[in-house]
Structures are given as structure tokens and as C-alpha cells.
Protein backbone atom coordinates (compact mmCIF):
# COMPACT_ATOMS: atom_id res chain seq x y z
CA MET A 1 0.12 0.16 0.26
CA LEU A 2 1.38 3.35 -0.77
CA SER A 3 0.30 6.66 1.25
CA SER A 4 0.96 9.83 2.41
CA PRO A 5 0.03 10.91 5.85
CA HIS A 6 0.18 14.88 4.98
CA ASN A 7 -0.03 16.79 1.60
CA LYS A 8 3.62 17.71 2.19
CA GLN A 9 4.22 13.97 1.92
CA TYR A 10 5.20 12.39 -0.99
CA ILE A 11 5.71 8.81 -2.63
CA TYR A 12 8.64 7.47 -4.64
CA SER A 13 7.90 6.50 -8.41
CA THR A 14 9.23 6.77 -11.74
CA MET A 15 7.92 8.56 -14.91
CA ALA A 16 5.77 6.30 -16.98
CA THR A 17 4.29 6.02 -20.36
CA ALA A 18 1.30 4.06 -21.84
CA SER A 19 3.88 1.55 -23.37
CA HIS A 20 5.29 1.14 -19.83
CA ILE A 21 2.18 0.43 -17.85
CA SER A 22 4.00 -2.79 -16.36
CA LEU A 23 7.03 -0.77 -14.98
CA LEU A 24 4.33 1.62 -13.41
CA PHE A 25 2.62 -1.14 -11.61
CA LEU A 26 5.89 -2.60 -10.43
CA ALA A 27 7.25 0.81 -9.54
CA LEU A 28 4.16 1.52 -7.61
CA VAL A 29 3.97 -1.59 -5.82
CA ALA A 30 7.70 -1.66 -4.71
CA LEU A 31 7.14 1.92 -3.02
CA THR A 32 6.77 2.07 0.52
CA PRO A 33 5.30 5.13 2.30
CA SER A 34 7.53 8.12 3.18
CA THR A 35 7.80 9.36 6.65
CA THR A 36 7.73 12.85 8.04
CA SER A 37 11.19 14.54 9.62
CA ALA A 38 12.59 17.80 9.59
CA ALA A 39 15.30 16.93 7.00
CA ALA A 40 12.26 16.01 4.66
CA ALA A 41 10.66 19.58 4.91
CA SER A 42 11.87 20.85 1.45
CA PRO A 43 10.60 18.97 -1.51
CA ASN A 44 12.79 16.23 -3.32
CA LEU A 45 12.31 16.23 -7.02
CA ASN A 46 12.37 12.59 -7.02
CA LEU A 47 9.07 12.45 -4.99
CA LEU A 48 5.59 12.73 -6.14
CA ASN A 49 2.46 14.05 -4.58
CA LEU A 50 -1.23 12.77 -5.33
CA GLN A 51 -1.52 14.96 -8.44
CA GLU A 52 1.62 13.98 -9.75
CA VAL A 53 0.76 10.39 -9.23
CA PHE A 54 -2.43 10.77 -10.86
CA GLN A 55 -0.52 11.93 -13.90
CA LEU A 56 1.47 8.70 -14.16
CA PHE A 57 -1.90 7.06 -14.69
CA GLY A 58 -2.56 9.36 -17.92
CA PHE A 59 -4.72 12.07 -16.12
CA PRO A 60 -4.13 15.85 -16.17
CA LEU A 61 -2.24 17.44 -13.11
CA GLY A 62 -5.37 19.43 -12.14
CA LEU A 63 -8.03 16.85 -12.20
CA ILE A 64 -7.51 16.35 -8.10
CA PRO A 65 -8.12 19.77 -6.04
CA ALA A 66 -5.81 20.69 -3.23
CA PRO A 67 -5.08 20.46 -0.46
CA VAL A 68 -5.16 16.80 -0.04
CA ASP A 69 -4.68 15.90 3.78
CA SER A 70 -3.45 12.27 2.94
CA PHE A 71 -4.22 9.38 0.38
CA THR A 72 -3.54 5.76 -0.35
CA LEU A 73 -3.35 3.49 -3.24
CA THR A 74 -3.62 -0.22 -2.62
CA PRO A 75 -3.15 -2.77 -5.67
CA ILE A 76 -6.06 -4.84 -6.68
CA GLY A 77 -4.94 -5.92 -10.03
CA ILE A 78 -2.08 -6.80 -12.26
CA LEU A 79 -3.42 -6.94 -15.76
CA PRO A 80 -4.09 -3.98 -16.25
CA PRO A 81 -2.27 -2.67 -12.82
CA THR A 82 -5.51 -1.26 -10.92
CA PHE A 83 -5.57 0.27 -7.53
CA ASN A 84 -8.10 1.39 -4.80
CA PHE A 85 -7.57 5.10 -3.88
CA THR A 86 -8.66 6.63 -1.00
CA ILE A 87 -8.15 10.56 -0.58
CA HIS A 88 -8.99 12.47 2.55
CA TYR A 89 -9.44 16.20 2.97
CA LYS A 90 -9.64 17.99 6.00
CA GLU A 91 -13.27 19.07 5.76
CA PRO A 92 -15.95 18.97 3.25
CA CYS A 93 -14.23 20.67 0.05
CA TYR A 94 -15.83 22.61 -2.95
CA VAL A 95 -14.26 23.64 -6.10
CA GLN A 96 -15.20 25.23 -9.13
CA PHE A 97 -14.36 23.10 -12.50
CA VAL A 98 -16.85 23.39 -15.48
CA TYR A 99 -19.54 22.85 -12.73
CA PRO A 100 -19.10 23.26 -8.86
CA ASN A 101 -17.77 20.26 -7.48
CA TYR A 102 -18.30 18.76 -4.21
CA TYR A 103 -15.68 16.00 -2.34
CA ASN A 104 -16.74 14.40 0.78
CA PRO A 105 -13.86 14.29 3.65
CA VAL A 106 -13.22 10.83 2.22
CA PHE A 107 -13.33 10.47 -1.55
CA THR A 108 -12.79 6.82 -2.77
CA GLY A 109 -12.42 4.88 -5.96
CA LYS A 110 -10.35 2.84 -8.37
CA ILE A 111 -7.73 3.94 -10.84
CA THR A 112 -5.87 2.17 -13.87
CA PHE A 113 -4.29 3.79 -16.60
CA GLY A 114 -6.44 6.50 -18.38
CA LYS A 115 -9.78 5.46 -15.94
CA LEU A 116 -11.20 6.44 -12.58
CA PHE A 117 -14.07 4.24 -11.75
CA ASP A 118 -16.20 3.09 -8.90
CA MET A 119 -15.78 6.81 -7.23
CA GLN A 120 -17.72 7.35 -4.23
CA GLY A 121 -17.82 10.87 -2.17
CA HIS A 122 -17.48 13.22 -5.30
CA LYS A 123 -20.62 15.05 -6.92
CA ASP A 124 -21.17 18.16 -9.46
CA GLN A 125 -23.86 20.55 -9.45
CA PHE A 126 -25.57 20.52 -12.88
CA PRO A 127 -27.19 23.85 -14.25
CA SER A 128 -30.51 22.55 -13.01
CA GLY A 129 -29.08 22.91 -9.14
CA GLU A 130 -29.22 19.12 -8.93
CA TRP A 131 -26.13 17.61 -7.31
CA ILE A 132 -25.23 14.48 -9.36
CA ASN A 133 -22.89 11.67 -8.30
CA MET A 134 -19.75 11.35 -10.55
CA TYR A 135 -18.64 7.44 -11.04
CA ASP A 136 -16.18 7.63 -14.08
CA VAL A 137 -13.55 9.54 -15.56
CA THR A 138 -12.12 8.21 -18.77
CA VAL A 139 -9.03 9.39 -20.94
CA VAL A 140 -10.32 9.56 -24.56
CA ASP A 141 -7.33 11.36 -26.54
CA GLN A 142 -7.18 15.13 -25.64
CA ASN A 143 -10.55 14.82 -23.69
CA LEU A 144 -11.86 13.37 -20.40
CA TYR A 145 -15.32 11.65 -20.52
CA PHE A 146 -17.12 12.12 -17.30
CA GLN A 147 -19.90 9.60 -16.39
CA PHE A 148 -22.30 10.85 -13.78
CA ALA A 149 -25.54 8.87 -12.22
CA THR A 150 -27.63 10.50 -14.75
CA ALA A 151 -25.69 12.36 -17.47
CA SER A 152 -22.09 12.37 -19.11
CA ALA A 153 -19.92 15.26 -20.22
CA THR A 154 -16.73 15.53 -22.37
CA VAL A 155 -14.28 18.13 -21.51
CA ASP A 156 -10.79 18.99 -22.97
CA ARG A 157 -8.00 17.93 -20.57
CA SER A 158 -6.49 21.24 -20.79
CA PHE A 159 -8.91 22.41 -18.72
CA PHE A 160 -7.48 20.70 -15.80
CA ALA A 161 -4.06 21.92 -16.46
CA GLU A 162 -3.44 23.63 -13.19
CA VAL A 163 -4.44 22.29 -9.63
CA LYS A 164 -7.21 24.05 -7.89
CA ASN A 165 -7.64 24.71 -4.36
CA CYS A 166 -10.70 23.83 -2.62
CA THR A 167 -12.89 26.02 -0.27
CA TYR A 168 -13.99 24.18 2.73
CA GLY A 169 -17.75 24.27 3.50
CA PRO A 170 -20.87 22.27 5.01
CA LEU A 171 -21.28 18.56 4.39
CA LEU A 172 -23.91 17.64 1.60
CA PRO A 173 -26.14 14.71 2.84
CA ALA A 174 -25.92 11.79 0.15
CA ASP A 175 -29.53 12.62 -0.92
CA TYR A 176 -29.23 16.29 -1.10
CA SER A 177 -29.77 17.48 -4.62
CA ASN A 178 -31.19 21.13 -4.73
CA GLN A 179 -28.96 23.70 -2.88
CA LEU A 180 -28.62 26.67 -4.94
CA ILE A 181 -25.01 27.37 -6.74
CA SER A 182 -25.12 30.89 -5.23
CA GLN A 183 -25.31 29.41 -1.64
CA LEU A 184 -22.09 27.36 -2.06
CA PRO A 185 -18.61 28.49 -0.27
CA ILE A 186 -16.98 28.43 -3.86
CA SER A 187 -16.33 31.35 -6.55
CA ALA A 188 -16.78 31.03 -10.44
CA GLU A 189 -13.67 31.45 -12.08
């Protein structure tokens, strides 16, 4: 299992391309959790944060907002290399992408090269005002294909080139679907 106890923690890994997916799996499986120390306070270029790890799987750097409190990756399959992921935020988190996005304090799912799936703890608010669960994200050429509970959307990956920061706010109940966008603790960018 790979883990990071703080957002300043990083994990060891190597750069990978689609043709080196097996090397990616072996590198990630062989890694051990990093530890916190005064000597490790400055970033090391050989270490990766969560957003950079997701890049190894073919996703743009800004797909997952910061600050991440901690995360884990646990191998669950070899061919293709597949991992369970758990991302912890300090509090419920809101960020503006195409639509307002909400992240539970614990956001989980599975990741393999070019695909996030079985996600729980993430919703987008559509123009109708309804909060809709996002289940899958698939890389398709230069686009990301998002699958929601009741809809889908395709967005150019360049839209996620930079990491955005979350704004902490209230917890959305699992069945909550009608809070107005203007009532959220986020601003349109």
C-alpha cells in the first residue's frame, strides 16, 4: 500500500508512459510510505504528490483539487495495473471546474491507466441545481469523458492543467440535490 500522511508527503515513483504500464505497476507496488522528518521538509524532485501520481495514470495534473490531507493507493489487480484509492480532505471540499464540485472528506474509487471508476464521495452540481454523483472519468485522446449517475460530459483535458484549491464548507447529505449554486462557499473562476 502507498500512502501519504500529509499533503506535504510524497511517494517514490518513476515516470511512465502508456507503453510502460507494467513498469508503472511494479514501481508503485515496490514503493513504501514516506515518513515525516525535519530533514524532509523541503520537496525532493524524485518524489511525487497525489496529483503527480494521477499524472502517471494519464490524467492531467489539476484533476484532483488541493489540499489533500492524505491519500492511499492499494494494488488490486496486475493486468491492467489497478489500484483502490482513498483521498482524505480535512473537511468537505468545494471547487469550481466546469460545474461546482463537491468532495466528501473521504473520496474513494479505483484507478487504472486512463480510467477512474467506482468513485464515491464526489458530486457535481448541474445547471438545474441538482447535485449528481460522478462515477467514472476516462481519458479519450485529449479529452476527459465524465460519467455521472444521470448524464455524461466530455471536457478538454487542458481545462485541468492547473491544480485548483478547495474551499471548505458544509457536508452535503447523500440525498441532497437542490442547493443553489449561489449558496455554495465557492466562486466562479
